Amino acid sequence: MNKIIISIIVVSLSGALLLKVLDGEPIIRDTQSETISSSSEDSEVFPQNIPANTPTSIEKLVEYKTSTPSTNSNDFLSGTPEEYREAYAQVNERLFGILENISEQDYQKLMEKGFPSTNDFDFVSRHDIKEIQITLFNNVSRYPSFDEDPSLSYHALSSLNLLKALANLEEITRYYFPEYQQGTPFPKRSDWPDGERPARVFEAMIKVGVAGSVVMDESAIELLAQARFKQFAFNADDNNANIVVEMLAKANKLLGGNENLSNYVIQHYPEKLEDFERLSSE
């Protein structure tokens, strides 16, 4: 709740929003400004205005050049309607394998805790990052309810929108660094051509801040989306391992224990497993 109050105060001050501090530089964006266009990176990576009868999926929205989503068969994913199967598979990949080998009944329980429905996926595919951020901010005082459409989840929309912005940034980054993989620290400023990040990269970073500004930390999916963001480690050399594991543990606790998250920590942060287990039980 404190984060909600702070978000309202910050955005209200002079109509400006302090988004994130990347590389030690504060980025300020006027919420009324049209200088950040939704027709550049968004249009390339996440097509907008998809017709209602057009199947949508994260795979179709994000065309990876160097990686493909996991298609390992499991009860939930194999039973998902085909047009959404890859969308969930991409979310699974981005959210630390949370959907591996779960049943449809298990996913229904996750949906009750804010995980996305097909309606949430459709909404995010039809609106750009800025539009969704504004819509969510207009609902933030009533968090976690979403009064504009009760079939939608604030938890899911804010998290999917952040993942969308991160996917957009990853794809643009791979244009310059083809070997860049999700989960690895973001290239430092000195690593880029001429020692500066190109304008389109910087704009994509701002969109990440826009999307992340309305993601709270009261549900598991929000914590997982934030952990994914923290892995970018714009300012650090260690993938923000401590912060990421702490967020994974908090999500694990809210989920009542999740084997997939535990397995992810064992595989990627084995030295942090004891911390993960301790924080999960506190």
C-alpha atoms as a PDB file:
ATOM      1  CA  MET A   1       0.000   0.000   0.000  1.00  0.00           C
ATOM      2  CA  ASN A   2       2.877   2.385   0.720  1.00  0.00           C
ATOM      3  CA  LYS A   3       4.135   1.911  -2.813  1.00  0.00           C
ATOM      4  CA  ILE A   4       0.705   2.838  -4.166  1.00  0.00           C
ATOM      5  CA  ILE A   5       0.661   6.051  -2.145  1.00  0.00           C
ATOM      6  CA  ILE A   6       4.198   6.915  -3.204  1.00  0.00           C
ATOM      7  CA  SER A   7       3.355   6.265  -6.868  1.00  0.00           C
ATOM      8  CA  ILE A   8       0.390   8.617  -6.698  1.00  0.00           C
ATOM      9  CA  ILE A   9       2.417  11.364  -5.029  1.00  0.00           C
ATOM     10  CA  VAL A  10       5.354  11.067  -7.424  1.00  0.00           C
ATOM     11  CA  VAL A  11       3.217  11.141 -10.555  1.00  0.00           C
ATOM     12  CA  SER A  12       1.167  14.042  -9.235  1.00  0.00           C
ATOM     13  CA  LEU A  13       4.170  16.288  -8.640  1.00  0.00           C
ATOM     14  CA  SER A  14       4.282  18.742 -11.556  1.00  0.00           C
ATOM     15  CA  GLY A  15       2.816  16.061 -13.829  1.00  0.00           C
ATOM     16  CA  ALA A  16       6.176  14.292 -13.917  1.00  0.00           C
ATOM     17  CA  LEU A  17       7.193  10.745 -13.088  1.00  0.00           C
ATOM     18  CA  LEU A  18      10.578   9.685 -11.825  1.00  0.00           C
ATOM     19  CA  LEU A  19      10.908   6.370 -13.624  1.00  0.00           C
ATOM     20  CA  LYS A  20      14.208   4.702 -12.802  1.00  0.00           C
ATOM     21  CA  VAL A  21      17.833   5.555 -12.233  1.00  0.00           C
ATOM     22  CA  LEU A  22      19.832   3.885 -14.965  1.00  0.00           C
ATOM     23  CA  ASP A  23      23.597   4.183 -14.793  1.00  0.00           C
ATOM     24  CA  GLY A  24      23.189   6.774 -12.057  1.00  0.00           C
ATOM     25  CA  GLU A  25      21.191   9.168 -14.251  1.00  0.00           C
ATOM     26  CA  PRO A  26      17.648  10.065 -13.171  1.00  0.00           C
ATOM     27  CA  ILE A  27      15.188   9.881 -16.034  1.00  0.00           C
ATOM     28  CA  ILE A  28      12.228  12.249 -15.749  1.00  0.00           C
ATOM     29  CA  ARG A  29       9.275  11.931 -18.059  1.00  0.00           C
ATOM     30  CA  ASP A  30       6.250  14.199 -18.315  1.00  0.00           C
ATOM     31  CA  THR A  31       3.194  11.952 -18.352  1.00  0.00           C
ATOM     32  CA  GLN A  32       1.495  14.326 -20.774  1.00  0.00           C
ATOM     33  CA  SER A  33       4.426  14.452 -23.185  1.00  0.00           C
ATOM     34  CA  GLU A  34       4.163  12.864 -26.596  1.00  0.00           C
ATOM     35  CA  THR A  35       7.916  12.816 -27.137  1.00  0.00           C
ATOM     36  CA  ILE A  36       8.117   9.104 -26.392  1.00  0.00           C
ATOM     37  CA  SER A  37       6.388   7.592 -29.392  1.00  0.00           C
ATOM     38  CA  SER A  38       4.608   4.253 -29.336  1.00  0.00           C
ATOM     39  CA  SER A  39       5.348   3.806 -33.026  1.00  0.00           C
ATOM     40  CA  SER A  40       9.064   2.968 -32.892  1.00  0.00           C
ATOM     41  CA  GLU A  41      10.242  -0.077 -30.943  1.00  0.00           C
ATOM     42  CA  ASP A  42       6.696  -1.066 -29.987  1.00  0.00           C
ATOM     43  CA  SER A  43       5.559  -1.227 -33.579  1.00  0.00           C
ATOM     44  CA  GLU A  44       8.526  -3.380 -34.581  1.00  0.00           C
ATOM     45  CA  VAL A  45       8.392  -5.880 -31.754  1.00  0.00           C
ATOM     46  CA  PHE A  46       4.822  -5.731 -30.482  1.00  0.00           C
ATOM     47  CA  PRO A  47       2.361  -5.058 -33.338  1.00  0.00           C
ATOM     48  CA  GLN A  48      -0.593  -2.978 -32.210  1.00  0.00           C
ATOM     49  CA  ASN A  49      -4.294  -2.972 -33.069  1.00  0.00           C
ATOM     50  CA  ILE A  50      -4.544  -6.708 -33.571  1.00  0.00           C
ATOM     51  CA  PRO A  51      -8.051  -7.584 -34.838  1.00  0.00           C
ATOM     52  CA  ALA A  52     -10.291  -9.281 -32.305  1.00  0.00           C
ATOM     53  CA  ASN A  53     -10.407 -12.485 -34.342  1.00  0.00           C
ATOM     54  CA  THR A  54      -6.635 -12.708 -34.722  1.00  0.00           C
ATOM     55  CA  PRO A  55      -4.869 -15.226 -32.457  1.00  0.00           C
ATOM     56  CA  THR A  56      -2.312 -13.522 -30.257  1.00  0.00           C
ATOM     57  CA  SER A  57       0.794 -14.936 -28.644  1.00  0.00           C
ATOM     58  CA  ILE A  58       4.001 -13.613 -27.192  1.00  0.00           C
ATOM     59  CA  GLU A  59       5.893 -15.641 -29.799  1.00  0.00           C
ATOM     60  CA  LYS A  60       4.081 -13.792 -32.585  1.00  0.00           C
ATOM     61  CA  LEU A  61       4.557 -10.478 -30.841  1.00  0.00           C
ATOM     62  CA  VAL A  62       8.246 -10.978 -30.121  1.00  0.00           C
ATOM     63  CA  GLU A  63      10.265 -12.503 -32.938  1.00  0.00           C
ATOM     64  CA  TYR A  64      13.489 -13.622 -31.347  1.00  0.00           C
ATOM     65  CA  LYS A  65      16.537 -13.852 -33.570  1.00  0.00           C
ATOM     66  CA  THR A  66      18.660 -15.915 -31.214  1.00  0.00           C
ATOM     67  CA  SER A  67      16.272 -17.782 -28.913  1.00  0.00           C
ATOM     68  CA  THR A  68      12.974 -19.597 -29.023  1.00  0.00           C
ATOM     69  CA  PRO A  69      10.477 -20.320 -26.254  1.00  0.00           C
ATOM     70  CA  SER A  70      10.460 -23.606 -24.436  1.00  0.00           C
ATOM     71  CA  THR A  71       7.959 -26.027 -25.929  1.00  0.00           C
ATOM     72  CA  ASN A  72       8.402 -28.824 -23.419  1.00  0.00           C
ATOM     73  CA  SER A  73       5.082 -30.605 -23.131  1.00  0.00           C
ATOM     74  CA  ASN A  74       3.256 -30.417 -19.831  1.00  0.00           C
ATOM     75  CA  ASP A  75      -0.348 -30.710 -18.728  1.00  0.00           C
ATOM     76  CA  PHE A  76      -1.169 -27.019 -18.582  1.00  0.00           C
ATOM     77  CA  LEU A  77       0.626 -25.812 -21.696  1.00  0.00           C
ATOM     78  CA  SER A  78      -0.420 -28.778 -23.805  1.00  0.00           C
ATOM     79  CA  GLY A  79      -4.035 -28.221 -22.794  1.00  0.00           C
ATOM     80  CA  THR A  80      -4.004 -24.485 -23.540  1.00  0.00           C
ATOM     81  CA  PRO A  81      -5.763 -23.297 -26.719  1.00  0.00           C
ATOM     82  CA  GLU A  82      -3.219 -23.298 -29.525  1.00  0.00           C
ATOM     83  CA  GLU A  83      -3.400 -19.561 -30.198  1.00  0.00           C
ATOM     84  CA  TYR A  84      -2.307 -18.844 -26.618  1.00  0.00           C
ATOM     85  CA  ARG A  85       0.031 -21.774 -25.997  1.00  0.00           C
ATOM     86  CA  GLU A  86       3.182 -19.961 -27.035  1.00  0.00           C
ATOM     87  CA  ALA A  87       2.118 -16.831 -25.170  1.00  0.00           C
ATOM     88  CA  TYR A  88       2.087 -18.792 -21.927  1.00  0.00           C
ATOM     89  CA  ALA A  89       5.298 -20.561 -22.911  1.00  0.00           C
ATOM     90  CA  GLN A  90       7.046 -17.212 -23.327  1.00  0.00           C
ATOM     91  CA  VAL A  91       5.746 -15.999 -19.972  1.00  0.00           C
ATOM     92  CA  ASN A  92       6.946 -19.247 -18.465  1.00  0.00           C
ATOM     93  CA  GLU A  93      10.413 -18.648 -19.867  1.00  0.00           C
ATOM     94  CA  ARG A  94      10.497 -15.056 -18.647  1.00  0.00           C
ATOM     95  CA  LEU A  95       9.095 -15.831 -15.209  1.00  0.00           C
ATOM     96  CA  PHE A  96      11.684 -18.410 -14.195  1.00  0.00           C
ATOM     97  CA  GLY A  97       9.887 -21.559 -15.390  1.00  0.00           C
ATOM     98  CA  ILE A  98       6.942 -21.004 -13.057  1.00  0.00           C
ATOM     99  CA  LEU A  99       4.564 -22.904 -15.380  1.00  0.00           C
ATOM    100  CA  GLU A 100       6.687 -25.997 -15.931  1.00  0.00           C
ATOM    101  CA  ASN A 101       4.798 -29.252 -15.395  1.00  0.00           C
ATOM    102  CA  ILE A 102       1.708 -27.800 -13.753  1.00  0.00           C
ATOM    103  CA  SER A 103      -1.883 -28.850 -14.262  1.00  0.00           C
ATOM    104  CA  GLU A 104      -4.733 -26.679 -15.472  1.00  0.00           C
ATOM    105  CA  GLN A 105      -6.116 -26.767 -11.937  1.00  0.00           C
ATOM    106  CA  ASP A 106      -2.803 -25.457 -10.632  1.00  0.00           C
ATOM    107  CA  TYR A 107      -2.927 -22.608 -13.119  1.00  0.00           C
ATOM    108  CA  GLN A 108      -6.458 -21.721 -12.091  1.00  0.00           C
ATOM    109  CA  LYS A 109      -5.075 -21.203  -8.593  1.00  0.00           C
ATOM    110  CA  LEU A 110      -2.343 -18.984 -10.021  1.00  0.00           C
ATOM    111  CA  MET A 111      -4.950 -16.927 -11.858  1.00  0.00           C
ATOM    112  CA  GLU A 112      -6.735 -16.336  -8.572  1.00  0.00           C
ATOM    113  CA  LYS A 113      -3.455 -14.800  -7.404  1.00  0.00           C
ATOM    114  CA  GLY A 114      -3.122 -12.489 -10.396  1.00  0.00           C
ATOM    115  CA  PHE A 115      -1.580 -14.576 -13.162  1.00  0.00           C
ATOM    116  CA  PRO A 116      -2.828 -13.687 -16.671  1.00  0.00           C
ATOM    117  CA  SER A 117      -5.906 -14.973 -18.397  1.00  0.00           C
ATOM    118  CA  THR A 118      -6.357 -14.909 -22.170  1.00  0.00           C
ATOM    119  CA  ASN A 119      -8.252 -11.625 -21.696  1.00  0.00           C
ATOM    120  CA  ASP A 120      -5.160 -10.101 -20.096  1.00  0.00           C
ATOM    121  CA  PHE A 121      -2.956 -11.246 -22.988  1.00  0.00           C
ATOM    122  CA  ASP A 122      -5.380  -9.798 -25.529  1.00  0.00           C
ATOM    123  CA  PHE A 123      -5.535  -6.446 -23.731  1.00  0.00           C
ATOM    124  CA  VAL A 124      -1.757  -6.102 -23.605  1.00  0.00           C
ATOM    125  CA  SER A 125      -1.391  -7.063 -27.269  1.00  0.00           C
ATOM    126  CA  ARG A 126      -3.858  -4.367 -28.339  1.00  0.00           C
ATOM    127  CA  HIS A 127      -2.381  -1.432 -26.434  1.00  0.00           C
ATOM    128  CA  ASP A 128       1.056   0.089 -26.358  1.00  0.00           C
ATOM    129  CA  ILE A 129       3.168   0.350 -23.222  1.00  0.00           C
ATOM    130  CA  LYS A 130       2.349   3.976 -22.513  1.00  0.00           C
ATOM    131  CA  GLU A 131      -1.408   3.469 -22.914  1.00  0.00           C
ATOM    132  CA  ILE A 132      -1.385   0.531 -20.520  1.00  0.00           C
ATOM    133  CA  GLN A 133       0.711   2.436 -17.990  1.00  0.00           C
ATOM    134  CA  ILE A 134      -1.755   5.335 -18.002  1.00  0.00           C
ATOM    135  CA  THR A 135      -4.733   2.979 -17.696  1.00  0.00           C
ATOM    136  CA  LEU A 136      -3.126   1.209 -14.771  1.00  0.00           C
ATOM    137  CA  PHE A 137      -2.214   4.463 -13.066  1.00  0.00           C
ATOM    138  CA  ASN A 138      -5.826   5.584 -13.330  1.00  0.00           C
ATOM    139  CA  ASN A 139      -6.739   2.431 -11.420  1.00  0.00           C
ATOM    140  CA  VAL A 140      -3.879   2.434  -8.929  1.00  0.00           C
ATOM    141  CA  SER A 141      -5.850   4.066  -6.125  1.00  0.00           C
ATOM    142  CA  ARG A 142      -8.257   1.117  -6.230  1.00  0.00           C
ATOM    143  CA  TYR A 143      -5.526  -1.497  -6.436  1.00  0.00           C
ATOM    144  CA  PRO A 144      -5.793  -4.447  -6.758  1.00  0.00           C
ATOM    145  CA  SER A 145      -9.275  -4.156  -8.306  1.00  0.00           C
ATOM    146  CA  PHE A 146      -9.526  -3.141 -11.944  1.00  0.00           C
ATOM    147  CA  ASP A 147     -12.778  -1.255 -12.244  1.00  0.00           C
ATOM    148  CA  GLU A 148     -12.681  -0.606 -15.993  1.00  0.00           C
ATOM    149  CA  ASP A 149     -13.082  -4.314 -16.726  1.00  0.00           C
ATOM    150  CA  PRO A 150     -13.496  -6.845 -13.892  1.00  0.00           C
ATOM    151  CA  SER A 151     -12.363  -9.631 -16.237  1.00  0.00           C
ATOM    152  CA  LEU A 152      -8.879  -8.116 -16.257  1.00  0.00           C
ATOM    153  CA  SER A 153      -6.245  -8.367 -13.541  1.00  0.00           C
ATOM    154  CA  TYR A 154      -4.162  -5.368 -12.451  1.00  0.00           C
ATOM    155  CA  HIS A 155      -1.475  -7.780 -11.279  1.00  0.00           C
ATOM    156  CA  ALA A 156      -1.360  -9.497 -14.672  1.00  0.00           C
ATOM    157  CA  LEU A 157      -1.628  -6.403 -16.865  1.00  0.00           C
ATOM    158  CA  SER A 158       1.122  -4.494 -15.086  1.00  0.00           C
ATOM    159  CA  SER A 159       3.407  -7.524 -15.080  1.00  0.00           C
ATOM    160  CA  LEU A 160       2.772  -8.425 -18.726  1.00  0.00           C
ATOM    161  CA  ASN A 161       3.323  -4.811 -19.745  1.00  0.00           C
ATOM    162  CA  LEU A 162       6.684  -4.777 -17.969  1.00  0.00           C
ATOM    163  CA  LEU A 163       7.646  -8.084 -19.621  1.00  0.00           C
ATOM    164  CA  LYS A 164       6.584  -6.581 -22.941  1.00  0.00           C
ATOM    165  CA  ALA A 165       8.863  -3.592 -22.414  1.00  0.00           C
ATOM    166  CA  LEU A 166      11.735  -5.845 -21.355  1.00  0.00           C
ATOM    167  CA  ALA A 167      11.232  -8.077 -24.403  1.00  0.00           C
ATOM    168  CA  ASN A 168      11.298  -4.987 -26.579  1.00  0.00           C
ATOM    169  CA  LEU A 169      14.569  -3.854 -25.005  1.00  0.00           C
ATOM    170  CA  GLU A 170      16.089  -7.335 -25.324  1.00  0.00           C
ATOM    171  CA  GLU A 171      15.234  -7.553 -29.010  1.00  0.00           C
ATOM    172  CA  ILE A 172      16.759  -4.172 -29.785  1.00  0.00           C
ATOM    173  CA  THR A 173      19.831  -5.071 -27.731  1.00  0.00           C
ATOM    174  CA  ARG A 174      20.303  -8.252 -29.762  1.00  0.00           C
ATOM    175  CA  TYR A 175      20.518  -6.156 -32.893  1.00  0.00           C
ATOM    176  CA  TYR A 176      23.775  -4.746 -31.517  1.00  0.00           C
ATOM    177  CA  PHE A 177      24.813  -7.740 -29.385  1.00  0.00           C
ATOM    178  CA  PRO A 178      23.483 -10.915 -31.107  1.00  0.00           C
ATOM    179  CA  GLU A 179      24.726 -13.138 -28.291  1.00  0.00           C
ATOM    180  CA  TYR A 180      22.854 -11.245 -25.575  1.00  0.00           C
ATOM    181  CA  GLN A 181      20.640 -13.598 -23.556  1.00  0.00           C
ATOM    182  CA  GLN A 182      17.882 -12.918 -21.093  1.00  0.00           C
ATOM    183  CA  GLY A 183      19.050 -13.018 -17.505  1.00  0.00           C
ATOM    184  CA  THR A 184      22.496 -11.604 -18.234  1.00  0.00           C
ATOM    185  CA  PRO A 185      23.542  -8.085 -17.185  1.00  0.00           C
ATOM    186  CA  PHE A 186      22.683  -5.350 -19.650  1.00  0.00           C
ATOM    187  CA  PRO A 187      25.675  -4.076 -21.655  1.00  0.00           C
ATOM    188  CA  LYS A 188      27.331  -1.140 -19.953  1.00  0.00           C
ATOM    189  CA  ARG A 189      27.490   2.213 -21.625  1.00  0.00           C
ATOM    190  CA  SER A 190      31.152   1.778 -22.533  1.00  0.00           C
ATOM    191  CA  ASP A 191      30.356  -1.477 -24.356  1.00  0.00           C
ATOM    192  CA  TRP A 192      28.152   0.224 -26.957  1.00  0.00           C
ATOM    193  CA  PRO A 193      29.343   1.714 -30.255  1.00  0.00           C
ATOM    194  CA  ASP A 194      31.138   5.012 -29.641  1.00  0.00           C
ATOM    195  CA  GLY A 195      30.679   4.440 -25.912  1.00  0.00           C
ATOM    196  CA  GLU A 196      27.046   5.585 -25.995  1.00  0.00           C
ATOM    197  CA  ARG A 197      23.752   3.757 -26.165  1.00  0.00           C
ATOM    198  CA  PRO A 198      21.852   4.473 -29.389  1.00  0.00           C
ATOM    199  CA  ALA A 199      18.755   6.660 -29.076  1.00  0.00           C
ATOM    200  CA  ARG A 200      16.375   3.775 -29.778  1.00  0.00           C
ATOM    201  CA  VAL A 201      17.985   1.763 -26.992  1.00  0.00           C
ATOM    202  CA  PHE A 202      17.666   4.658 -24.583  1.00  0.00           C
ATOM    203  CA  GLU A 203      14.007   5.124 -25.562  1.00  0.00           C
ATOM    204  CA  ALA A 204      13.383   1.423 -24.963  1.00  0.00           C
ATOM    205  CA  MET A 205      15.002   1.752 -21.536  1.00  0.00           C
ATOM    206  CA  ILE A 206      12.636   4.619 -20.741  1.00  0.00           C
ATOM    207  CA  LYS A 207       9.688   2.443 -21.757  1.00  0.00           C
ATOM    208  CA  VAL A 208      10.878  -0.143 -19.266  1.00  0.00           C
ATOM    209  CA  GLY A 209      10.759   2.550 -16.598  1.00  0.00           C
ATOM    210  CA  VAL A 210       7.282   3.600 -17.734  1.00  0.00           C
ATOM    211  CA  ALA A 211       5.987   0.030 -17.538  1.00  0.00           C
ATOM    212  CA  GLY A 212       7.738  -0.699 -14.250  1.00  0.00           C
ATOM    213  CA  SER A 213       6.450   2.407 -12.516  1.00  0.00           C
ATOM    214  CA  VAL A 214       3.024   0.858 -11.857  1.00  0.00           C
ATOM    215  CA  VAL A 215       4.131  -2.682 -10.974  1.00  0.00           C
ATOM    216  CA  MET A 216       3.551  -3.256  -7.276  1.00  0.00           C
ATOM    217  CA  ASP A 217       5.055  -5.926  -5.048  1.00  0.00           C
ATOM    218  CA  GLU A 218       2.011  -7.445  -3.388  1.00  0.00           C
ATOM    219  CA  SER A 219       1.483 -10.466  -5.648  1.00  0.00           C
ATOM    220  CA  ALA A 220       3.750 -13.261  -6.820  1.00  0.00           C
ATOM    221  CA  ILE A 221       3.578 -12.374 -10.502  1.00  0.00           C
ATOM    222  CA  GLU A 222       4.482  -8.752  -9.798  1.00  0.00           C
ATOM    223  CA  LEU A 223       7.461  -9.829  -7.738  1.00  0.00           C
ATOM    224  CA  LEU A 224       8.550 -12.224 -10.481  1.00  0.00           C
ATOM    225  CA  ALA A 225       8.254  -9.517 -13.152  1.00  0.00           C
ATOM    226  CA  GLN A 226      10.282  -7.156 -10.991  1.00  0.00           C
ATOM    227  CA  ALA A 227      12.896  -9.854 -10.416  1.00  0.00           C
ATOM    228  CA  ARG A 228      13.165 -10.304 -14.161  1.00  0.00           C
ATOM    229  CA  PHE A 229      13.700  -6.546 -14.497  1.00  0.00           C
ATOM    230  CA  LYS A 230      16.361  -6.593 -11.777  1.00  0.00           C
ATOM    231  CA  GLN A 231      18.294  -9.241 -13.715  1.00  0.00           C
ATOM    232  CA  PHE A 232      19.101  -6.581 -16.276  1.00  0.00           C
ATOM    233  CA  ALA A 233      21.418  -5.092 -13.656  1.00  0.00           C
ATOM    234  CA  PHE A 234      21.870  -1.787 -15.456  1.00  0.00           C
ATOM    235  CA  ASN A 235      24.226  -0.654 -12.717  1.00  0.00           C
ATOM    236  CA  ALA A 236      25.748  -3.878 -11.401  1.00  0.00           C
ATOM    237  CA  ASP A 237      28.108  -6.651 -12.430  1.00  0.00           C
ATOM    238  CA  ASP A 238      26.446  -9.532 -10.578  1.00  0.00           C
ATOM    239  CA  ASN A 239      22.914  -9.696 -12.054  1.00  0.00           C
ATOM    240  CA  ASN A 240      21.644  -8.173  -8.803  1.00  0.00           C
ATOM    241  CA  ALA A 241      21.714 -11.723  -7.490  1.00  0.00           C
ATOM    242  CA  ASN A 242      20.802 -10.845  -3.905  1.00  0.00           C
ATOM    243  CA  ILE A 243      17.820  -8.729  -4.911  1.00  0.00           C
ATOM    244  CA  VAL A 244      16.601 -11.221  -7.501  1.00  0.00           C
ATOM    245  CA  VAL A 245      16.762 -14.149  -5.086  1.00  0.00           C
ATOM    246  CA  GLU A 246      15.008 -12.111  -2.405  1.00  0.00           C
ATOM    247  CA  MET A 247      12.140 -11.334  -4.799  1.00  0.00           C
ATOM    248  CA  LEU A 248      11.944 -14.950  -5.922  1.00  0.00           C
ATOM    249  CA  ALA A 249      11.755 -16.023  -2.281  1.00  0.00           C
ATOM    250  CA  LYS A 250       8.957 -13.543  -1.543  1.00  0.00           C
ATOM    251  CA  ALA A 251       7.030 -14.826  -4.547  1.00  0.00           C
ATOM    252  CA  ASN A 252       7.692 -18.398  -3.463  1.00  0.00           C
ATOM    253  CA  LYS A 253       6.286 -17.630  -0.028  1.00  0.00           C
ATOM    254  CA  LEU A 254       3.137 -16.044  -1.484  1.00  0.00           C
ATOM    255  CA  LEU A 255       2.648 -19.139  -3.625  1.00  0.00           C
ATOM    256  CA  GLY A 256       2.983 -21.418  -0.613  1.00  0.00           C
ATOM    257  CA  GLY A 257       6.151 -22.928  -2.012  1.00  0.00           C
ATOM    258  CA  ASN A 258       6.862 -23.562  -5.669  1.00  0.00           C
ATOM    259  CA  GLU A 259       9.150 -26.315  -6.900  1.00  0.00           C
ATOM    260  CA  ASN A 260       9.818 -24.541 -10.190  1.00  0.00           C
ATOM    261  CA  LEU A 261      11.196 -21.459  -8.459  1.00  0.00           C
ATOM    262  CA  SER A 262      13.317 -23.602  -6.187  1.00  0.00           C
ATOM    263  CA  ASN A 263      14.691 -25.430  -9.209  1.00  0.00           C
ATOM    264  CA  TYR A 264      15.513 -22.140 -10.905  1.00  0.00           C
ATOM    265  CA  VAL A 265      17.484 -20.942  -7.889  1.00  0.00           C
ATOM    266  CA  ILE A 266      19.306 -24.283  -7.667  1.00  0.00           C
ATOM    267  CA  GLN A 267      20.283 -24.013 -11.330  1.00  0.00           C
ATOM    268  CA  HIS A 268      21.149 -20.310 -11.571  1.00  0.00           C
ATOM    269  CA  TYR A 269      21.928 -19.178  -8.021  1.00  0.00           C
ATOM    270  CA  PRO A 270      23.128 -22.322  -6.201  1.00  0.00           C
ATOM    271  CA  GLU A 271      25.187 -20.262  -3.767  1.00  0.00           C
ATOM    272  CA  LYS A 272      21.988 -18.408  -2.772  1.00  0.00           C
ATOM    273  CA  LEU A 273      19.826 -21.470  -2.146  1.00  0.00           C
ATOM    274  CA  GLU A 274      20.128 -21.257   1.640  1.00  0.00           C
ATOM    275  CA  ASP A 275      19.106 -17.583   1.547  1.00  0.00           C
ATOM    276  CA  PHE A 276      16.203 -18.422  -0.763  1.00  0.00           C
ATOM    277  CA  GLU A 277      14.907 -21.129   1.564  1.00  0.00           C
ATOM    278  CA  ARG A 278      15.321 -18.941   4.638  1.00  0.00           C
ATOM    279  CA  LEU A 279      13.532 -15.963   3.115  1.00  0.00           C
ATOM    280  CA  SER A 280      10.775 -18.225   1.772  1.00  0.00           C
ATOM    281  CA  SER A 281       9.959 -19.368   5.297  1.00  0.00           C
ATOM    282  CA  GLU A 282      10.254 -16.065   7.179  1.00  0.00           C
END
